[in-house]
PDB file of N, CA and C in Angstrom:
ATOM      1  N   MET A   1     -12.276 -19.590  -1.137  1.00  0.00           N
ATOM      2  CA  MET A   1     -11.716 -18.881  -0.014  1.00  0.00           C
ATOM      3  C   MET A   1     -10.199 -18.826  -0.182  1.00  0.00           C
ATOM      4  N   GLU A   2      -9.631 -17.717   0.185  1.00  0.00           N
ATOM      5  CA  GLU A   2      -8.183 -17.528   0.050  1.00  0.00           C
ATOM      6  C   GLU A   2      -7.414 -18.334   1.083  1.00  0.00           C
ATOM      7  N   ARG A   3      -6.126 -18.478   0.825  1.00  0.00           N
ATOM      8  CA  ARG A   3      -5.248 -19.151   1.781  1.00  0.00           C
ATOM      9  C   ARG A   3      -5.067 -18.282   3.019  1.00  0.00           C
ATOM     10  N   GLY A   4      -4.747 -18.933   4.126  1.00  0.00           N
ATOM     11  CA  GLY A   4      -4.559 -18.220   5.386  1.00  0.00           C
ATOM     12  C   GLY A   4      -3.408 -17.238   5.349  1.00  0.00           C
ATOM     13  N   LEU A   5      -2.362 -17.571   4.590  1.00  0.00           N
ATOM     14  CA  LEU A   5      -1.201 -16.684   4.505  1.00  0.00           C
ATOM     15  C   LEU A   5      -1.559 -15.353   3.849  1.00  0.00           C
ATOM     16  N   MET A   6      -2.419 -15.391   2.850  1.00  0.00           N
ATOM     17  CA  MET A   6      -2.848 -14.140   2.217  1.00  0.00           C
ATOM     18  C   MET A   6      -3.697 -13.306   3.175  1.00  0.00           C
ATOM     19  N   MET A   7      -4.482 -13.978   3.996  1.00  0.00           N
ATOM     20  CA  MET A   7      -5.287 -13.249   4.978  1.00  0.00           C
ATOM     21  C   MET A   7      -4.402 -12.592   6.035  1.00  0.00           C
ATOM     22  N   VAL A   8      -3.323 -13.265   6.422  1.00  0.00           N
ATOM     23  CA  VAL A   8      -2.365 -12.670   7.365  1.00  0.00           C
ATOM     24  C   VAL A   8      -1.729 -11.435   6.745  1.00  0.00           C
ATOM     25  N   LEU A   9      -1.364 -11.538   5.475  1.00  0.00           N
ATOM     26  CA  LEU A   9      -0.765 -10.397   4.779  1.00  0.00           C
ATOM     27  C   LEU A   9      -1.746  -9.235   4.699  1.00  0.00           C
ATOM     28  N   HIS A  10      -2.995  -9.519   4.366  1.00  0.00           N
ATOM     29  CA  HIS A  10      -3.997  -8.456   4.276  1.00  0.00           C
ATOM     30  C   HIS A  10      -4.217  -7.783   5.628  1.00  0.00           C
ATOM     31  N   SER A  11      -4.296  -8.570   6.690  1.00  0.00           N
ATOM     32  CA  SER A  11      -4.511  -7.960   8.005  1.00  0.00           C
ATOM     33  C   SER A  11      -3.286  -7.167   8.460  1.00  0.00           C
ATOM     34  N   ALA A  12      -2.081  -7.601   8.070  1.00  0.00           N
ATOM     35  CA  ALA A  12      -0.874  -6.833   8.405  1.00  0.00           C
ATOM     36  C   ALA A  12      -0.875  -5.487   7.687  1.00  0.00           C
ATOM     37  N   VAL A  13      -1.285  -5.485   6.431  1.00  0.00           N
ATOM     38  CA  VAL A  13      -1.368  -4.226   5.676  1.00  0.00           C
ATOM     39  C   VAL A  13      -2.403  -3.304   6.314  1.00  0.00           C
ATOM     40  N   ILE A  14      -3.534  -3.857   6.696  1.00  0.00           N
ATOM     41  CA  ILE A  14      -4.566  -3.059   7.361  1.00  0.00           C
ATOM     42  C   ILE A  14      -4.022  -2.474   8.662  1.00  0.00           C
ATOM     43  N   GLY A  15      -3.282  -3.269   9.431  1.00  0.00           N
ATOM     44  CA  GLY A  15      -2.707  -2.790  10.686  1.00  0.00           C
ATOM     45  C   GLY A  15      -1.716  -1.663  10.483  1.00  0.00           C
ATOM     46  N   VAL A  16      -0.866  -1.778   9.468  1.00  0.00           N
ATOM     47  CA  VAL A  16       0.125  -0.730   9.193  1.00  0.00           C
ATOM     48  C   VAL A  16      -0.567   0.557   8.759  1.00  0.00           C
ATOM     49  N   VAL A  17      -1.564   0.442   7.896  1.00  0.00           N
ATOM     50  CA  VAL A  17      -2.292   1.629   7.437  1.00  0.00           C
ATOM     51  C   VAL A  17      -3.006   2.299   8.610  1.00  0.00           C
ATOM     52  N   LEU A  18      -3.632   1.494   9.461  1.00  0.00           N
ATOM     53  CA  LEU A  18      -4.299   2.067  10.632  1.00  0.00           C
ATOM     54  C   LEU A  18      -3.312   2.759  11.560  1.00  0.00           C
ATOM     55  N   TYR A  19      -2.144   2.153  11.762  1.00  0.00           N
ATOM     56  CA  TYR A  19      -1.123   2.766  12.617  1.00  0.00           C
ATOM     57  C   TYR A  19      -0.702   4.119  12.058  1.00  0.00           C
ATOM     58  N   LEU A  20      -0.424   4.165  10.767  1.00  0.00           N
ATOM     59  CA  LEU A  20       0.001   5.423  10.154  1.00  0.00           C
ATOM     60  C   LEU A  20      -1.088   6.486  10.251  1.00  0.00           C
ATOM     61  N   LEU A  21      -2.337   6.085  10.042  1.00  0.00           N
ATOM     62  CA  LEU A  21      -3.440   7.036  10.175  1.00  0.00           C
ATOM     63  C   LEU A  21      -3.544   7.567  11.605  1.00  0.00           C
ATOM     64  N   MET A  22      -3.454   6.672  12.566  1.00  0.00           N
ATOM     65  CA  MET A  22      -3.591   7.091  13.963  1.00  0.00           C
ATOM     66  C   MET A  22      -2.466   8.024  14.395  1.00  0.00           C
ATOM     67  N   VAL A  23      -1.244   7.760  13.932  1.00  0.00           N
ATOM     68  CA  VAL A  23      -0.104   8.566  14.370  1.00  0.00           C
ATOM     69  C   VAL A  23      -0.052   9.898  13.634  1.00  0.00           C
ATOM     70  N   PHE A  24      -0.187   9.869  12.307  1.00  0.00           N
ATOM     71  CA  PHE A  24       0.050  11.087  11.532  1.00  0.00           C
ATOM     72  C   PHE A  24      -1.203  11.912  11.260  1.00  0.00           C
ATOM     73  N   VAL A  25      -2.362  11.291  11.197  1.00  0.00           N
ATOM     74  CA  VAL A  25      -3.584  12.047  10.924  1.00  0.00           C
ATOM     75  C   VAL A  25      -4.291  12.425  12.221  1.00  0.00           C
ATOM     76  N   PHE A  26      -4.416  11.449  13.130  1.00  0.00           N
ATOM     77  CA  PHE A  26      -5.142  11.694  14.368  1.00  0.00           C
ATOM     78  C   PHE A  26      -4.242  12.106  15.526  1.00  0.00           C
ATOM     79  N   ASN A  27      -2.933  12.174  15.295  1.00  0.00           N
ATOM     80  CA  ASN A  27      -1.939  12.623  16.282  1.00  0.00           C
ATOM     81  C   ASN A  27      -2.032  11.885  17.623  1.00  0.00           C
ATOM     82  N   GLN A  28      -2.178  10.565  17.551  1.00  0.00           N
ATOM     83  CA  GLN A  28      -2.208   9.765  18.770  1.00  0.00           C
ATOM     84  C   GLN A  28      -0.790   9.419  19.204  1.00  0.00           C
ATOM     85  N   ASN A  29      -0.654   9.072  20.462  1.00  0.00           N
ATOM     86  CA  ASN A  29       0.609   8.584  20.989  1.00  0.00           C
ATOM     87  C   ASN A  29       0.981   7.303  20.225  1.00  0.00           C
ATOM     88  N   PRO A  30       2.225   7.186  19.730  1.00  0.00           N
ATOM     89  CA  PRO A  30       2.605   6.002  18.945  1.00  0.00           C
ATOM     90  C   PRO A  30       2.415   4.675  19.672  1.00  0.00           C
ATOM     91  N   ARG A  31       2.634   4.645  20.979  1.00  0.00           N
ATOM     92  CA  ARG A  31       2.426   3.386  21.720  1.00  0.00           C
ATOM     93  C   ARG A  31       0.961   2.978  21.725  1.00  0.00           C
ATOM     94  N   ILE A  32       0.088   3.941  21.937  1.00  0.00           N
ATOM     95  CA  ILE A  32      -1.346   3.651  21.938  1.00  0.00           C
ATOM     96  C   ILE A  32      -1.798   3.255  20.541  1.00  0.00           C
ATOM     97  N   ALA A  33      -1.325   3.968  19.534  1.00  0.00           N
ATOM     98  CA  ALA A  33      -1.686   3.649  18.154  1.00  0.00           C
ATOM     99  C   ALA A  33      -1.199   2.261  17.763  1.00  0.00           C
ATOM    100  N   GLU A  34      -0.015   1.891  18.230  1.00  0.00           N
ATOM    101  CA  GLU A  34       0.524   0.558  17.938  1.00  0.00           C
ATOM    102  C   GLU A  34      -0.369  -0.534  18.516  1.00  0.00           C
ATOM    103  N   ASN A  35      -0.731  -0.388  19.776  1.00  0.00           N
ATOM    104  CA  ASN A  35      -1.570  -1.403  20.414  1.00  0.00           C
ATOM    105  C   ASN A  35      -2.952  -1.483  19.783  1.00  0.00           C
ATOM    106  N   ARG A  36      -3.532  -0.344  19.477  1.00  0.00           N
ATOM    107  CA  ARG A  36      -4.865  -0.342  18.873  1.00  0.00           C
ATOM    108  C   ARG A  36      -4.854  -0.929  17.469  1.00  0.00           C
ATOM    109  N   SER A  37      -3.849  -0.592  16.684  1.00  0.00           N
ATOM    110  CA  SER A  37      -3.800  -1.119  15.318  1.00  0.00           C
ATOM    111  C   SER A  37      -3.534  -2.624  15.319  1.00  0.00           C
ATOM    112  N   ILE A  38      -2.722  -3.115  16.260  1.00  0.00           N
ATOM    113  CA  ILE A  38      -2.501  -4.565  16.371  1.00  0.00           C
ATOM    114  C   ILE A  38      -3.793  -5.262  16.780  1.00  0.00           C
ATOM    115  N   LEU A  39      -4.524  -4.696  17.719  1.00  0.00           N
ATOM    116  CA  LEU A  39      -5.782  -5.286  18.160  1.00  0.00           C
ATOM    117  C   LEU A  39      -6.795  -5.355  17.020  1.00  0.00           C
ATOM    118  N   ILE A  40      -6.927  -4.272  16.269  1.00  0.00           N
ATOM    119  CA  ILE A  40      -7.874  -4.251  15.156  1.00  0.00           C
ATOM    120  C   ILE A  40      -7.438  -5.211  14.057  1.00  0.00           C
ATOM    121  N   ALA A  41      -6.144  -5.246  13.734  1.00  0.00           N
ATOM    122  CA  ALA A  41      -5.648  -6.156  12.698  1.00  0.00           C
ATOM    123  C   ALA A  41      -5.850  -7.611  13.105  1.00  0.00           C
ATOM    124  N   ALA A  42      -5.660  -7.925  14.380  1.00  0.00           N
ATOM    125  CA  ALA A  42      -5.883  -9.295  14.850  1.00  0.00           C
ATOM    126  C   ALA A  42      -7.357  -9.672  14.756  1.00  0.00           C
ATOM    127  N   THR A  43      -8.234  -8.734  15.076  1.00  0.00           N
ATOM    128  CA  THR A  43      -9.671  -8.980  14.959  1.00  0.00           C
ATOM    129  C   THR A  43     -10.063  -9.197  13.506  1.00  0.00           C
ATOM    130  N   VAL A  44      -9.505  -8.400  12.611  1.00  0.00           N
ATOM    131  CA  VAL A  44      -9.771  -8.555  11.179  1.00  0.00           C
ATOM    132  C   VAL A  44      -9.272  -9.911  10.693  1.00  0.00           C
ATOM    133  N   LEU A  45      -8.102 -10.335  11.159  1.00  0.00           N
ATOM    134  CA  LEU A  45      -7.561 -11.636  10.761  1.00  0.00           C
ATOM    135  C   LEU A  45      -8.476 -12.771  11.211  1.00  0.00           C
ATOM    136  N   ILE A  46      -8.942 -12.730  12.442  1.00  0.00           N
ATOM    137  CA  ILE A  46      -9.854 -13.768  12.929  1.00  0.00           C
ATOM    138  C   ILE A  46     -11.130 -13.789  12.099  1.00  0.00           C
ATOM    139  N   TYR A  47     -11.669 -12.618  11.796  1.00  0.00           N
ATOM    140  CA  TYR A  47     -12.881 -12.536  10.979  1.00  0.00           C
ATOM    141  C   TYR A  47     -12.645 -13.135   9.598  1.00  0.00           C
ATOM    142  N   MET A  48     -11.519 -12.762   8.960  1.00  0.00           N
ATOM    143  CA  MET A  48     -11.248 -13.266   7.611  1.00  0.00           C
ATOM    144  C   MET A  48     -11.022 -14.770   7.605  1.00  0.00           C
ATOM    145  N   ILE A  49     -10.380 -15.308   8.633  1.00  0.00           N
ATOM    146  CA  ILE A  49     -10.168 -16.757   8.681  1.00  0.00           C
ATOM    147  C   ILE A  49     -11.503 -17.481   8.860  1.00  0.00           C
ATOM    148  N   LEU A  50     -12.385 -16.939   9.668  1.00  0.00           N
ATOM    149  CA  LEU A  50     -13.672 -17.588   9.896  1.00  0.00           C
ATOM    150  C   LEU A  50     -14.632 -17.443   8.724  1.00  0.00           C
ATOM    151  N   PHE A  51     -14.755 -16.246   8.160  1.00  0.00           N
ATOM    152  CA  PHE A  51     -15.804 -15.962   7.190  1.00  0.00           C
ATOM    153  C   PHE A  51     -15.303 -15.547   5.809  1.00  0.00           C
ATOM    154  N   GLY A  52     -14.028 -15.319   5.632  1.00  0.00           N
ATOM    155  CA  GLY A  52     -13.533 -14.810   4.358  1.00  0.00           C
ATOM    156  C   GLY A  52     -13.678 -13.299   4.298  1.00  0.00           C
ATOM    157  N   HIS A  53     -13.726 -12.770   3.088  1.00  0.00           N
ATOM    158  CA  HIS A  53     -13.801 -11.314   2.924  1.00  0.00           C
ATOM    159  C   HIS A  53     -15.232 -10.802   2.892  1.00  0.00           C
ATOM    160  N   GLY A  54     -16.198 -11.692   2.788  1.00  0.00           N
ATOM    161  CA  GLY A  54     -17.590 -11.268   2.670  1.00  0.00           C
ATOM    162  C   GLY A  54     -18.299 -11.191   4.011  1.00  0.00           C
ATOM    163  N   LEU A  55     -19.617 -11.072   3.915  1.00  0.00           N
ATOM    164  CA  LEU A  55     -20.442 -11.050   5.113  1.00  0.00           C
ATOM    165  C   LEU A  55     -20.495 -12.452   5.719  1.00  0.00           C
ATOM    166  N   PRO A  56     -20.744 -12.554   7.010  1.00  0.00           N
ATOM    167  CA  PRO A  56     -20.708 -13.869   7.665  1.00  0.00           C
ATOM    168  C   PRO A  56     -21.929 -14.727   7.348  1.00  0.00           C
ATOM    169  N   SER A  57     -21.924 -15.370   6.186  1.00  0.00           N
ATOM    170  CA  SER A  57     -23.037 -16.245   5.828  1.00  0.00           C
ATOM    171  C   SER A  57     -22.758 -17.693   6.209  1.00  0.00           C
ATOM    172  N   LYS A  58     -21.513 -18.136   6.044  1.00  0.00           N
ATOM    173  CA  LYS A  58     -21.152 -19.489   6.472  1.00  0.00           C
ATOM    174  C   LYS A  58     -19.695 -19.508   6.911  1.00  0.00           C
ATOM    175  N   ILE A  59     -19.384 -20.400   7.836  1.00  0.00           N
ATOM    176  CA  ILE A  59     -18.039 -20.496   8.408  1.00  0.00           C
ATOM    177  C   ILE A  59     -17.144 -21.290   7.467  1.00  0.00           C
ATOM    178  N   ASN A  60     -15.883 -20.952   7.444  1.00  0.00           N
ATOM    179  CA  ASN A  60     -14.877 -21.620   6.626  1.00  0.00           C
ATOM    180  C   ASN A  60     -14.831 -23.109   6.966  1.00  0.00           C
ATOM    181  N   ARG A  61     -14.942 -23.957   5.972  1.00  0.00           N
ATOM    182  CA  ARG A  61     -14.926 -25.405   6.192  1.00  0.00           C
ATOM    183  C   ARG A  61     -13.519 -25.951   6.354  1.00  0.00           C
ATOM    184  N   ASN A  62     -12.506 -25.170   6.070  1.00  0.00           N
ATOM    185  CA  ASN A  62     -11.120 -25.635   6.141  1.00  0.00           C
ATOM    186  C   ASN A  62     -10.503 -25.478   7.523  1.00  0.00           C
ATOM    187  N   LEU A  63     -11.298 -25.170   8.529  1.00  0.00           N
ATOM    188  CA  LEU A  63     -10.758 -24.987   9.881  1.00  0.00           C
ATOM    189  C   LEU A  63     -10.448 -26.307  10.521  1.00  0.00           C
TER     190      LEU A  63
END
């Protein structure tokens, strides 16, 4: 399992990409896109910390 810092970096990249997609492709209001991308990135971070990058077969033992 990867270190937590790498998972934070991955979720931040996912959040930035989602924000850019929402603003420039889907033409959403930037404030709404910001909040939604932060919410999704935070959810992804929690998932990655608990289960890693794969399917949820077992919980991270380093918690």
